[in-house]
């Protein structure tokens, strides 16, 4: 009968040490924001900030992998349009730079907004198309690459919701991020400017029928919705932060 008690005591001790670890160091205080803009548990936010350099390193590795993954598409795209091709690797690079700038005492609101937008937009769009076109990708549900792409992109969304701890999301920075991702949306799906649309290659031709619409329309729908979402969340976070200051909290 003493073993469960000992295990429980050991678990409480480990949990307490974890709490102490994540609260050590200089991390921004967590503001009492509503869950719809700050959905992560405080402990997870603290852990991400405490392990900031590890998170930066993981994102840089993901960026390198992403550029390798997009190598075939670079060969099909005019050089002047290359910046619009590696959407997910660019998002992981931006979040790495955003966190690194904060850690180095050079917090940059444009980087913060761009990173927040990119991680939410691409972190949601990739699982969306992986599910929408699941049979066409040729992956089994247990395929390592399919699962890696699916879960690693959802992890991008998770880390986006840590940015509010050190970002203010001023309107001008949100405007810059909105402009970039709207332009990216336009050249990806609506007006490529040079060459063909620059969206991530799909497992179907763009004009292939899919439940009464085309594959391009399905992918574009997700891209539009997931571009609007971070605009709302960034501005809502800004409003909630200002409201806290007005309330003296």
C-alpha atoms as a PDB file:
ATOM      1  CA  UNK A   1       0.000   0.000   0.000  1.00  0.00           C
ATOM      2  CA  UNK A   2       2.983   2.276   0.473  1.00  0.00           C
ATOM      3  CA  UNK A   3       4.112   2.023  -3.169  1.00  0.00           C
ATOM      4  CA  UNK A   4       1.268   4.098  -4.698  1.00  0.00           C
ATOM      5  CA  UNK A   5       1.838   6.729  -2.023  1.00  0.00           C
ATOM      6  CA  UNK A   6       5.556   6.822  -2.798  1.00  0.00           C
ATOM      7  CA  UNK A   7       4.861   7.072  -6.532  1.00  0.00           C
ATOM      8  CA  UNK A   8       2.408   9.887  -5.948  1.00  0.00           C
ATOM      9  CA  UNK A   9       4.918  11.734  -3.800  1.00  0.00           C
ATOM     10  CA  UNK A  10       7.610  11.216  -6.440  1.00  0.00           C
ATOM     11  CA  UNK A  11       5.286  12.523  -9.176  1.00  0.00           C
ATOM     12  CA  UNK A  12       4.432  15.619  -7.131  1.00  0.00           C
ATOM     13  CA  UNK A  13       8.137  16.218  -6.558  1.00  0.00           C
ATOM     14  CA  UNK A  14       8.889  15.952 -10.282  1.00  0.00           C
ATOM     15  CA  UNK A  15       5.998  18.279 -11.105  1.00  0.00           C
ATOM     16  CA  UNK A  16       7.209  20.813  -8.563  1.00  0.00           C
ATOM     17  CA  UNK A  17      10.746  20.690  -9.963  1.00  0.00           C
ATOM     18  CA  UNK A  18       9.340  21.219 -13.467  1.00  0.00           C
ATOM     19  CA  UNK A  19       7.371  24.251 -12.281  1.00  0.00           C
ATOM     20  CA  UNK A  20      10.459  25.651 -10.589  1.00  0.00           C
ATOM     21  CA  UNK A  21      12.540  25.089 -13.719  1.00  0.00           C
ATOM     22  CA  UNK A  22      10.171  26.819 -16.113  1.00  0.00           C
ATOM     23  CA  UNK A  23       9.764  29.792 -13.784  1.00  0.00           C
ATOM     24  CA  UNK A  24      13.477  30.383 -13.408  1.00  0.00           C
ATOM     25  CA  UNK A  25      15.122  33.002 -15.560  1.00  0.00           C
ATOM     26  CA  UNK A  26      13.911  36.227 -17.056  1.00  0.00           C
ATOM     27  CA  UNK A  27      10.634  35.518 -18.849  1.00  0.00           C
ATOM     28  CA  UNK A  28       7.859  38.059 -19.433  1.00  0.00           C
ATOM     29  CA  UNK A  29       5.025  37.999 -16.954  1.00  0.00           C
ATOM     30  CA  UNK A  30       1.882  36.326 -18.226  1.00  0.00           C
ATOM     31  CA  UNK A  31      -0.983  38.765 -18.633  1.00  0.00           C
ATOM     32  CA  UNK A  32      -4.528  37.575 -17.790  1.00  0.00           C
ATOM     33  CA  UNK A  33      -5.651  37.432 -21.395  1.00  0.00           C
ATOM     34  CA  UNK A  34      -8.828  35.546 -22.353  1.00  0.00           C
ATOM     35  CA  UNK A  35      -8.450  31.992 -23.621  1.00  0.00           C
ATOM     36  CA  UNK A  36      -9.449  32.775 -27.175  1.00  0.00           C
ATOM     37  CA  UNK A  37      -6.184  34.690 -27.696  1.00  0.00           C
ATOM     38  CA  UNK A  38      -4.040  32.835 -25.146  1.00  0.00           C
ATOM     39  CA  UNK A  39      -5.247  29.216 -25.169  1.00  0.00           C
ATOM     40  CA  UNK A  40      -2.096  27.520 -23.871  1.00  0.00           C
ATOM     41  CA  UNK A  41      -1.595  26.588 -20.194  1.00  0.00           C
ATOM     42  CA  UNK A  42       0.729  28.990 -18.387  1.00  0.00           C
ATOM     43  CA  UNK A  43       3.156  26.148 -17.645  1.00  0.00           C
ATOM     44  CA  UNK A  44       3.523  25.341 -21.355  1.00  0.00           C
ATOM     45  CA  UNK A  45       4.088  28.999 -22.243  1.00  0.00           C
ATOM     46  CA  UNK A  46       6.719  29.297 -19.500  1.00  0.00           C
ATOM     47  CA  UNK A  47       8.446  26.125 -20.665  1.00  0.00           C
ATOM     48  CA  UNK A  48       8.622  27.380 -24.256  1.00  0.00           C
ATOM     49  CA  UNK A  49      10.153  30.678 -23.125  1.00  0.00           C
ATOM     50  CA  UNK A  50      12.550  28.989 -20.705  1.00  0.00           C
ATOM     51  CA  UNK A  51      13.784  26.699 -23.493  1.00  0.00           C
ATOM     52  CA  UNK A  52      13.839  29.529 -26.025  1.00  0.00           C
ATOM     53  CA  UNK A  53      17.218  28.678 -27.567  1.00  0.00           C
ATOM     54  CA  UNK A  54      16.222  25.037 -27.967  1.00  0.00           C
ATOM     55  CA  UNK A  55      13.012  26.156 -29.692  1.00  0.00           C
ATOM     56  CA  UNK A  56      15.071  28.427 -31.955  1.00  0.00           C
ATOM     57  CA  UNK A  57      17.362  25.524 -32.849  1.00  0.00           C
ATOM     58  CA  UNK A  58      14.467  23.174 -33.621  1.00  0.00           C
ATOM     59  CA  UNK A  59      12.899  25.776 -35.891  1.00  0.00           C
ATOM     60  CA  UNK A  60      16.165  26.331 -37.739  1.00  0.00           C
ATOM     61  CA  UNK A  61      16.464  22.582 -38.330  1.00  0.00           C
ATOM     62  CA  UNK A  62      12.874  22.600 -39.586  1.00  0.00           C
ATOM     63  CA  UNK A  63      13.720  25.528 -41.865  1.00  0.00           C
ATOM     64  CA  UNK A  64      16.662  23.650 -43.380  1.00  0.00           C
ATOM     65  CA  UNK A  65      14.480  20.572 -43.929  1.00  0.00           C
ATOM     66  CA  UNK A  66      11.779  22.737 -45.484  1.00  0.00           C
ATOM     67  CA  UNK A  67      14.130  24.302 -48.014  1.00  0.00           C
ATOM     68  CA  UNK A  68      15.314  20.811 -48.959  1.00  0.00           C
ATOM     69  CA  UNK A  69      11.668  19.677 -49.281  1.00  0.00           C
ATOM     70  CA  UNK A  70      10.897  22.584 -51.623  1.00  0.00           C
ATOM     71  CA  UNK A  71      13.979  22.067 -53.820  1.00  0.00           C
ATOM     72  CA  UNK A  72      11.969  20.460 -56.681  1.00  0.00           C
ATOM     73  CA  UNK A  73       9.520  23.359 -56.694  1.00  0.00           C
ATOM     74  CA  UNK A  74      12.333  25.932 -56.791  1.00  0.00           C
ATOM     75  CA  UNK A  75      13.491  24.332 -60.049  1.00  0.00           C
ATOM     76  CA  UNK A  76      10.025  24.928 -61.546  1.00  0.00           C
ATOM     77  CA  UNK A  77       9.676  28.538 -60.368  1.00  0.00           C
ATOM     78  CA  UNK A  78      11.242  31.715 -61.836  1.00  0.00           C
ATOM     79  CA  UNK A  79      14.027  32.937 -59.541  1.00  0.00           C
ATOM     80  CA  UNK A  80      12.357  36.295 -58.884  1.00  0.00           C
ATOM     81  CA  UNK A  81       9.374  34.485 -57.333  1.00  0.00           C
ATOM     82  CA  UNK A  82      11.383  32.185 -55.048  1.00  0.00           C
ATOM     83  CA  UNK A  83      10.521  34.194 -51.888  1.00  0.00           C
ATOM     84  CA  UNK A  84       6.888  33.097 -52.326  1.00  0.00           C
ATOM     85  CA  UNK A  85       7.613  29.371 -52.596  1.00  0.00           C
ATOM     86  CA  UNK A  86       8.900  28.053 -49.217  1.00  0.00           C
ATOM     87  CA  UNK A  87       5.991  29.238 -47.068  1.00  0.00           C
ATOM     88  CA  UNK A  88       6.390  26.876 -44.096  1.00  0.00           C
ATOM     89  CA  UNK A  89      10.221  27.101 -43.918  1.00  0.00           C
ATOM     90  CA  UNK A  90       9.914  30.885 -44.020  1.00  0.00           C
ATOM     91  CA  UNK A  91       7.431  30.766 -41.123  1.00  0.00           C
ATOM     92  CA  UNK A  92       9.759  28.621 -38.984  1.00  0.00           C
ATOM     93  CA  UNK A  93      12.669  30.925 -39.837  1.00  0.00           C
ATOM     94  CA  UNK A  94      10.619  33.958 -38.799  1.00  0.00           C
ATOM     95  CA  UNK A  95       9.605  32.433 -35.452  1.00  0.00           C
ATOM     96  CA  UNK A  96      13.240  31.481 -34.804  1.00  0.00           C
ATOM     97  CA  UNK A  97      14.337  35.051 -35.536  1.00  0.00           C
ATOM     98  CA  UNK A  98      11.482  36.484 -33.461  1.00  0.00           C
ATOM     99  CA  UNK A  99      12.366  34.431 -30.382  1.00  0.00           C
ATOM    100  CA  UNK A 100      16.107  35.015 -30.841  1.00  0.00           C
ATOM    101  CA  UNK A 101      15.602  38.786 -31.142  1.00  0.00           C
ATOM    102  CA  UNK A 102      13.578  38.800 -27.923  1.00  0.00           C
ATOM    103  CA  UNK A 103      16.214  36.731 -26.092  1.00  0.00           C
ATOM    104  CA  UNK A 104      18.976  39.070 -27.268  1.00  0.00           C
ATOM    105  CA  UNK A 105      17.095  42.141 -26.049  1.00  0.00           C
ATOM    106  CA  UNK A 106      16.281  43.288 -29.605  1.00  0.00           C
ATOM    107  CA  UNK A 107      12.553  42.614 -29.648  1.00  0.00           C
ATOM    108  CA  UNK A 108      11.157  43.408 -33.099  1.00  0.00           C
ATOM    109  CA  UNK A 109       7.418  43.852 -33.527  1.00  0.00           C
ATOM    110  CA  UNK A 110       7.442  43.289 -37.297  1.00  0.00           C
ATOM    111  CA  UNK A 111       9.259  39.975 -36.831  1.00  0.00           C
ATOM    112  CA  UNK A 112       6.821  39.054 -34.075  1.00  0.00           C
ATOM    113  CA  UNK A 113       3.777  39.756 -36.245  1.00  0.00           C
ATOM    114  CA  UNK A 114       5.215  37.999 -39.309  1.00  0.00           C
ATOM    115  CA  UNK A 115       6.132  34.951 -37.201  1.00  0.00           C
ATOM    116  CA  UNK A 116       2.695  34.840 -35.570  1.00  0.00           C
ATOM    117  CA  UNK A 117       0.911  35.084 -38.924  1.00  0.00           C
ATOM    118  CA  UNK A 118       3.136  32.525 -40.637  1.00  0.00           C
ATOM    119  CA  UNK A 119       2.976  29.885 -37.922  1.00  0.00           C
ATOM    120  CA  UNK A 120      -0.808  30.075 -37.684  1.00  0.00           C
ATOM    121  CA  UNK A 121      -1.481  30.254 -41.427  1.00  0.00           C
ATOM    122  CA  UNK A 122       0.926  27.519 -42.547  1.00  0.00           C
ATOM    123  CA  UNK A 123       0.584  25.528 -39.339  1.00  0.00           C
ATOM    124  CA  UNK A 124      -3.122  25.092 -40.110  1.00  0.00           C
ATOM    125  CA  UNK A 125      -3.073  25.053 -43.922  1.00  0.00           C
ATOM    126  CA  UNK A 126      -0.725  22.078 -44.237  1.00  0.00           C
ATOM    127  CA  UNK A 127      -2.775  19.695 -42.018  1.00  0.00           C
ATOM    128  CA  UNK A 128      -5.872  20.985 -43.816  1.00  0.00           C
ATOM    129  CA  UNK A 129      -4.627  19.943 -47.263  1.00  0.00           C
ATOM    130  CA  UNK A 130      -3.112  16.726 -45.905  1.00  0.00           C
ATOM    131  CA  UNK A 131      -6.583  15.724 -44.690  1.00  0.00           C
ATOM    132  CA  UNK A 132      -8.501  17.160 -47.663  1.00  0.00           C
ATOM    133  CA  UNK A 133      -6.374  15.307 -50.214  1.00  0.00           C
ATOM    134  CA  UNK A 134      -5.449  12.362 -48.015  1.00  0.00           C
ATOM    135  CA  UNK A 135      -5.880   9.499 -50.536  1.00  0.00           C
ATOM    136  CA  UNK A 136      -4.093  11.444 -53.267  1.00  0.00           C
ATOM    137  CA  UNK A 137      -0.917  12.019 -51.243  1.00  0.00           C
ATOM    138  CA  UNK A 138      -0.236   8.281 -51.383  1.00  0.00           C
ATOM    139  CA  UNK A 139       0.536   8.084 -47.648  1.00  0.00           C
ATOM    140  CA  UNK A 140      -0.750   5.448 -45.258  1.00  0.00           C
ATOM    141  CA  UNK A 141      -2.101   6.814 -41.940  1.00  0.00           C
ATOM    142  CA  UNK A 142       0.988   5.477 -40.174  1.00  0.00           C
ATOM    143  CA  UNK A 143       3.479   6.796 -42.737  1.00  0.00           C
ATOM    144  CA  UNK A 144       6.303   8.642 -40.893  1.00  0.00           C
ATOM    145  CA  UNK A 145       6.489  11.532 -43.380  1.00  0.00           C
ATOM    146  CA  UNK A 146       2.730  12.122 -43.312  1.00  0.00           C
ATOM    147  CA  UNK A 147       2.706  12.174 -39.510  1.00  0.00           C
ATOM    148  CA  UNK A 148       5.826  14.334 -39.351  1.00  0.00           C
ATOM    149  CA  UNK A 149       4.311  16.942 -41.657  1.00  0.00           C
ATOM    150  CA  UNK A 150       0.927  16.854 -39.918  1.00  0.00           C
ATOM    151  CA  UNK A 151       2.075  17.129 -36.300  1.00  0.00           C
ATOM    152  CA  UNK A 152       5.083  19.390 -36.859  1.00  0.00           C
ATOM    153  CA  UNK A 153       2.847  21.949 -38.552  1.00  0.00           C
ATOM    154  CA  UNK A 154       0.316  21.834 -35.726  1.00  0.00           C
ATOM    155  CA  UNK A 155       3.263  22.449 -33.374  1.00  0.00           C
ATOM    156  CA  UNK A 156       3.867  25.670 -35.329  1.00  0.00           C
ATOM    157  CA  UNK A 157       0.397  26.837 -34.273  1.00  0.00           C
ATOM    158  CA  UNK A 158       1.164  25.998 -30.638  1.00  0.00           C
ATOM    159  CA  UNK A 159       4.348  28.048 -30.596  1.00  0.00           C
ATOM    160  CA  UNK A 160       2.581  30.981 -32.252  1.00  0.00           C
ATOM    161  CA  UNK A 161       0.476  31.332 -29.109  1.00  0.00           C
ATOM    162  CA  UNK A 162       3.583  31.996 -27.014  1.00  0.00           C
ATOM    163  CA  UNK A 163       4.492  35.134 -28.986  1.00  0.00           C
ATOM    164  CA  UNK A 164       1.964  37.293 -27.104  1.00  0.00           C
ATOM    165  CA  UNK A 165       4.164  37.034 -24.000  1.00  0.00           C
ATOM    166  CA  UNK A 166       6.782  39.358 -25.521  1.00  0.00           C
ATOM    167  CA  UNK A 167       4.868  40.992 -28.413  1.00  0.00           C
ATOM    168  CA  UNK A 168       2.523  43.986 -28.304  1.00  0.00           C
ATOM    169  CA  UNK A 169       1.139  43.555 -31.852  1.00  0.00           C
ATOM    170  CA  UNK A 170       0.984  47.281 -32.691  1.00  0.00           C
ATOM    171  CA  UNK A 171      -1.330  48.019 -35.582  1.00  0.00           C
ATOM    172  CA  UNK A 172       1.493  49.091 -37.901  1.00  0.00           C
ATOM    173  CA  UNK A 173       3.300  45.751 -37.409  1.00  0.00           C
ATOM    174  CA  UNK A 174       0.076  43.819 -37.974  1.00  0.00           C
ATOM    175  CA  UNK A 175      -0.422  45.872 -41.140  1.00  0.00           C
ATOM    176  CA  UNK A 176       3.027  44.868 -42.445  1.00  0.00           C
ATOM    177  CA  UNK A 177       2.362  41.184 -41.749  1.00  0.00           C
ATOM    178  CA  UNK A 178      -1.097  41.415 -43.319  1.00  0.00           C
ATOM    179  CA  UNK A 179       0.328  43.035 -46.451  1.00  0.00           C
ATOM    180  CA  UNK A 180       2.997  40.341 -46.863  1.00  0.00           C
ATOM    181  CA  UNK A 181       0.628  37.424 -46.412  1.00  0.00           C
ATOM    182  CA  UNK A 182      -2.063  38.952 -48.618  1.00  0.00           C
ATOM    183  CA  UNK A 183       0.480  39.441 -51.418  1.00  0.00           C
ATOM    184  CA  UNK A 184       1.652  35.868 -50.839  1.00  0.00           C
ATOM    185  CA  UNK A 185      -1.961  34.687 -51.024  1.00  0.00           C
ATOM    186  CA  UNK A 186      -2.562  36.548 -54.300  1.00  0.00           C
ATOM    187  CA  UNK A 187       0.512  35.210 -56.113  1.00  0.00           C
ATOM    188  CA  UNK A 188      -0.037  31.712 -54.754  1.00  0.00           C
ATOM    189  CA  UNK A 189      -3.627  31.322 -55.954  1.00  0.00           C
ATOM    190  CA  UNK A 190      -5.033  34.262 -57.905  1.00  0.00           C
ATOM    191  CA  UNK A 191      -2.446  36.196 -59.908  1.00  0.00           C
ATOM    192  CA  UNK A 192       1.036  34.634 -60.017  1.00  0.00           C
ATOM    193  CA  UNK A 193       2.637  37.693 -61.749  1.00  0.00           C
ATOM    194  CA  UNK A 194       5.377  35.492 -63.230  1.00  0.00           C
ATOM    195  CA  UNK A 195       4.887  31.860 -64.196  1.00  0.00           C
ATOM    196  CA  UNK A 196       2.279  29.577 -62.651  1.00  0.00           C
ATOM    197  CA  UNK A 197       0.614  29.935 -59.218  1.00  0.00           C
ATOM    198  CA  UNK A 198       3.279  29.622 -56.530  1.00  0.00           C
ATOM    199  CA  UNK A 199       1.388  27.627 -53.908  1.00  0.00           C
ATOM    200  CA  UNK A 200       2.871  24.452 -52.480  1.00  0.00           C
ATOM    201  CA  UNK A 201       2.540  21.687 -55.051  1.00  0.00           C
ATOM    202  CA  UNK A 202      -0.616  19.629 -54.528  1.00  0.00           C
ATOM    203  CA  UNK A 203      -1.025  15.896 -55.258  1.00  0.00           C
ATOM    204  CA  UNK A 204      -3.638  16.806 -57.886  1.00  0.00           C
ATOM    205  CA  UNK A 205      -3.525  19.184 -60.868  1.00  0.00           C
ATOM    206  CA  UNK A 206      -4.957  22.586 -59.936  1.00  0.00           C
ATOM    207  CA  UNK A 207      -7.940  22.130 -62.250  1.00  0.00           C
ATOM    208  CA  UNK A 208      -8.703  18.569 -61.111  1.00  0.00           C
ATOM    209  CA  UNK A 209     -12.336  18.234 -59.949  1.00  0.00           C
ATOM    210  CA  UNK A 210     -12.833  17.566 -56.254  1.00  0.00           C
ATOM    211  CA  UNK A 211     -16.391  17.307 -54.869  1.00  0.00           C
ATOM    212  CA  UNK A 212     -17.716  19.793 -57.416  1.00  0.00           C
ATOM    213  CA  UNK A 213     -14.845  22.283 -57.155  1.00  0.00           C
ATOM    214  CA  UNK A 214     -11.203  22.216 -58.214  1.00  0.00           C
ATOM    215  CA  UNK A 215      -8.202  21.214 -56.138  1.00  0.00           C
ATOM    216  CA  UNK A 216      -6.909  24.777 -56.422  1.00  0.00           C
ATOM    217  CA  UNK A 217     -10.176  26.149 -55.023  1.00  0.00           C
ATOM    218  CA  UNK A 218     -10.034  23.772 -52.062  1.00  0.00           C
ATOM    219  CA  UNK A 219      -6.454  24.778 -51.244  1.00  0.00           C
ATOM    220  CA  UNK A 220      -7.219  28.476 -51.800  1.00  0.00           C
ATOM    221  CA  UNK A 221     -10.230  28.341 -49.460  1.00  0.00           C
ATOM    222  CA  UNK A 222      -8.038  27.156 -46.622  1.00  0.00           C
ATOM    223  CA  UNK A 223      -5.359  29.723 -47.444  1.00  0.00           C
ATOM    224  CA  UNK A 224      -7.866  32.598 -47.396  1.00  0.00           C
ATOM    225  CA  UNK A 225      -9.442  31.550 -44.096  1.00  0.00           C
ATOM    226  CA  UNK A 226      -6.068  30.943 -42.446  1.00  0.00           C
ATOM    227  CA  UNK A 227      -4.845  34.353 -43.605  1.00  0.00           C
ATOM    228  CA  UNK A 228      -7.839  36.113 -42.059  1.00  0.00           C
ATOM    229  CA  UNK A 229      -7.588  34.237 -38.752  1.00  0.00           C
ATOM    230  CA  UNK A 230      -4.198  35.607 -37.552  1.00  0.00           C
ATOM    231  CA  UNK A 231      -5.238  39.150 -38.507  1.00  0.00           C
ATOM    232  CA  UNK A 232      -8.198  38.824 -36.157  1.00  0.00           C
ATOM    233  CA  UNK A 233      -6.195  37.136 -33.402  1.00  0.00           C
ATOM    234  CA  UNK A 234      -3.323  39.652 -33.517  1.00  0.00           C
ATOM    235  CA  UNK A 235      -5.655  42.654 -33.384  1.00  0.00           C
ATOM    236  CA  UNK A 236      -7.805  41.003 -30.709  1.00  0.00           C
ATOM    237  CA  UNK A 237      -4.677  40.367 -28.624  1.00  0.00           C
ATOM    238  CA  UNK A 238      -3.734  44.034 -29.048  1.00  0.00           C
ATOM    239  CA  UNK A 239      -7.191  45.161 -27.906  1.00  0.00           C
ATOM    240  CA  UNK A 240      -7.199  42.813 -24.905  1.00  0.00           C
ATOM    241  CA  UNK A 241      -3.742  44.014 -23.816  1.00  0.00           C
ATOM    242  CA  UNK A 242      -4.819  47.655 -24.063  1.00  0.00           C
ATOM    243  CA  UNK A 243      -7.991  46.874 -22.111  1.00  0.00           C
ATOM    244  CA  UNK A 244      -5.912  45.358 -19.317  1.00  0.00           C
ATOM    245  CA  UNK A 245      -3.862  48.545 -19.097  1.00  0.00           C
ATOM    246  CA  UNK A 246      -6.987  50.698 -19.041  1.00  0.00           C
ATOM    247  CA  UNK A 247      -8.332  48.532 -16.220  1.00  0.00           C
ATOM    248  CA  UNK A 248      -5.023  48.882 -14.354  1.00  0.00           C
ATOM    249  CA  UNK A 249      -4.387  45.142 -14.328  1.00  0.00           C
END
